[in-house]
Protein backbone atom coordinates (compact mmCIF):
# COMPACT_ATOMS: atom_id res chain seq x y z
CA MET A 1 -47.47 -21.59 10.63
CA ARG A 2 -45.17 -22.72 7.84
CA ILE A 3 -41.60 -21.52 7.55
CA LEU A 4 -39.55 -21.42 4.37
CA GLY A 5 -35.86 -22.35 4.57
CA LEU A 6 -33.45 -21.05 1.92
CA ASP A 7 -29.86 -21.89 1.04
CA TYR A 8 -28.77 -18.95 -1.14
CA GLY A 9 -25.93 -19.61 -3.57
CA SER A 10 -24.36 -17.81 -6.50
CA LYS A 11 -26.53 -19.63 -9.07
CA THR A 12 -28.99 -21.64 -7.00
CA VAL A 13 -31.35 -21.34 -4.06
CA GLY A 14 -32.14 -24.53 -2.18
CA VAL A 15 -35.67 -24.48 -0.78
CA ALA A 16 -37.24 -26.33 2.15
CA VAL A 17 -40.53 -25.84 3.98
CA SER A 18 -41.71 -26.81 7.44
CA ASP A 19 -44.75 -28.92 8.13
CA PRO A 20 -47.79 -26.92 9.38
CA LEU A 21 -46.82 -27.54 13.04
CA GLY A 22 -43.27 -26.31 12.51
CA LEU A 23 -41.67 -29.56 13.64
CA THR A 24 -39.96 -30.92 10.53
CA ALA A 25 -38.38 -29.57 7.37
CA GLN A 26 -38.91 -31.08 3.93
CA GLY A 27 -37.00 -30.31 0.76
CA VAL A 28 -39.02 -28.63 -1.95
CA GLU A 29 -36.77 -27.74 -4.88
CA ILE A 30 -33.71 -25.92 -6.14
CA ILE A 31 -34.28 -22.63 -7.93
CA ARG A 32 -31.61 -22.17 -10.62
CA ARG A 33 -30.50 -19.08 -12.49
CA GLU A 34 -27.89 -18.39 -15.16
CA ARG A 35 -26.14 -15.50 -13.42
CA GLU A 36 -25.83 -14.43 -9.82
CA ASN A 37 -27.41 -11.01 -10.31
CA LYS A 38 -30.41 -12.33 -12.28
CA LEU A 39 -32.86 -12.58 -9.40
CA ARG A 40 -36.21 -11.59 -10.93
CA GLN A 41 -37.34 -15.16 -11.67
CA THR A 42 -35.87 -16.41 -8.39
CA MET A 43 -37.85 -13.85 -6.40
CA ALA A 44 -41.00 -14.58 -8.40
CA ARG A 45 -40.66 -18.30 -7.64
CA ILE A 46 -40.14 -17.59 -3.94
CA ASP A 47 -43.33 -15.48 -4.01
CA GLU A 48 -45.18 -18.44 -5.55
CA LEU A 49 -43.86 -20.84 -2.90
CA ILE A 50 -44.85 -18.45 -0.10
CA ALA A 51 -48.40 -18.33 -1.45
CA GLN A 52 -48.57 -22.08 -2.17
CA TYR A 53 -47.48 -23.11 1.32
CA GLY A 54 -48.90 -20.21 3.34
CA VAL A 55 -45.44 -19.24 4.59
CA GLU A 56 -45.28 -16.71 7.43
CA LYS A 57 -41.52 -16.59 8.04
CA ILE A 58 -38.30 -17.23 6.11
CA VAL A 59 -35.06 -18.71 7.46
CA LEU A 60 -32.04 -17.87 5.32
CA GLY A 61 -28.71 -19.61 5.74
CA LEU A 62 -25.80 -17.29 6.55
CA PRO A 63 -22.49 -18.67 5.21
CA LYS A 64 -19.99 -17.55 7.81
CA HIS A 65 -16.37 -18.66 7.78
CA MET A 66 -15.34 -21.18 10.41
CA ASN A 67 -13.61 -18.38 12.38
CA ASN A 68 -16.96 -16.50 12.46
CA ASP A 69 -15.86 -13.88 9.90
CA MET A 70 -18.25 -12.92 7.14
CA GLY A 71 -16.83 -13.00 3.63
CA ASP A 72 -18.21 -11.88 0.29
CA ARG A 73 -20.77 -14.69 0.11
CA ALA A 74 -22.20 -13.70 3.52
CA VAL A 75 -22.41 -10.04 2.47
CA ARG A 76 -24.34 -11.02 -0.66
CA THR A 77 -26.63 -13.19 1.44
CA LEU A 78 -27.40 -10.26 3.75
CA GLU A 79 -28.26 -8.18 0.67
CA PHE A 80 -30.57 -11.00 -0.46
CA GLN A 81 -32.15 -11.00 3.01
CA GLU A 82 -33.02 -7.32 2.63
CA MET A 83 -34.49 -7.95 -0.84
CA LEU A 84 -36.64 -10.74 0.58
CA ARG A 85 -37.86 -8.55 3.46
CA LYS A 86 -38.82 -5.70 1.16
CA ARG A 87 -40.49 -7.90 -1.43
CA THR A 88 -42.38 -10.29 0.85
CA GLY A 89 -42.96 -8.22 3.98
CA LEU A 90 -42.04 -11.32 6.02
CA ASP A 91 -39.55 -11.69 8.83
CA VAL A 92 -36.32 -13.14 7.37
CA VAL A 93 -34.26 -14.83 10.09
CA MET A 94 -30.57 -15.44 9.44
CA TRP A 95 -29.31 -18.91 10.46
CA ASP A 96 -25.66 -19.92 10.70
CA GLU A 97 -25.24 -22.47 7.95
CA ARG A 98 -21.69 -23.54 8.71
CA LEU A 99 -21.28 -27.24 8.08
CA THR A 100 -24.72 -27.70 6.49
CA THR A 101 -23.13 -28.54 3.13
CA VAL A 102 -20.83 -30.98 4.93
CA ALA A 103 -23.86 -32.59 6.59
CA ALA A 104 -25.66 -32.70 3.23
CA ASP A 105 -22.64 -34.41 1.67
CA ARG A 106 -22.53 -36.98 4.48
CA THR A 107 -26.22 -37.69 4.06
CA MET A 108 -25.77 -38.24 0.33
CA ASN A 109 -22.79 -40.53 1.01
CA GLU A 110 -24.92 -42.59 3.38
CA LEU A 111 -27.65 -42.81 0.74
CA ASN A 112 -25.06 -43.63 -1.97
CA ILE A 113 -26.12 -40.65 -4.10
CA ARG A 114 -23.43 -39.91 -6.69
CA GLY A 115 -22.62 -37.78 -9.73
CA ARG A 116 -25.21 -35.53 -11.29
CA ALA A 117 -27.93 -36.49 -8.81
CA ARG A 118 -25.63 -35.37 -6.00
CA ARG A 119 -24.99 -31.96 -7.55
CA GLN A 120 -28.70 -31.49 -8.12
CA LEU A 121 -29.68 -32.28 -4.53
CA VAL A 122 -26.98 -30.71 -2.36
CA ASP A 123 -28.55 -27.24 -2.13
CA GLU A 124 -32.01 -28.60 -1.35
CA ILE A 125 -30.65 -30.88 1.35
CA ALA A 126 -28.62 -27.98 2.79
CA ALA A 127 -31.85 -25.92 2.94
CA VAL A 128 -33.48 -28.75 4.88
CA PHE A 129 -30.60 -28.77 7.39
CA ILE A 130 -30.76 -24.97 7.76
CA LEU A 131 -34.51 -24.99 8.41
CA GLN A 132 -34.43 -28.07 10.65
CA GLY A 133 -31.66 -26.51 12.75
CA TYR A 134 -33.80 -23.42 13.23
CA LEU A 135 -36.91 -25.47 14.09
CA ASP A 136 -34.94 -27.58 16.57
CA SER A 137 -33.59 -24.45 18.25
CA LEU A 138 -37.13 -23.17 18.77
CA ALA A 139 -38.21 -26.46 20.27
CA PHE A 140 -35.16 -26.50 22.54
CA LYS A 141 -35.88 -22.97 23.75
CA GLY A 142 -39.59 -23.75 24.12
CA GLU A 143 -40.45 -20.88 21.78
CA GLU A 144 -43.50 -20.67 19.60
CA ARG A 145 -42.86 -21.18 15.94
């Protein structure tokens, strides 16, 4: 079973997908849009990716504050979760994404990725960290993917 990992932002959605065994996450792309509320093309692309990879579950990063409060961005992400559920009919699991952007930045520093390339990759790398964290938690718990 393949799982789709998403990092939902105001103008981008980073996308990652698991391997067929659900062991590793790989970056796929960043879906971009001009305005936050323009989601038609974003949702259509997610539909295409679900069909292309045979996705059976979605993991969506939840951007909580460090003190565990949920701000405006988290509220919008929960609304996006509901849209995904209704549109795809798939289970959409929320995953705490705190520090994933920090981890993505560190990874890009280690790889010496700078400037425009950095801005274009950060959301995709964050989606990989979100999905890999979820996959690792399943393995740790001994749960089936």
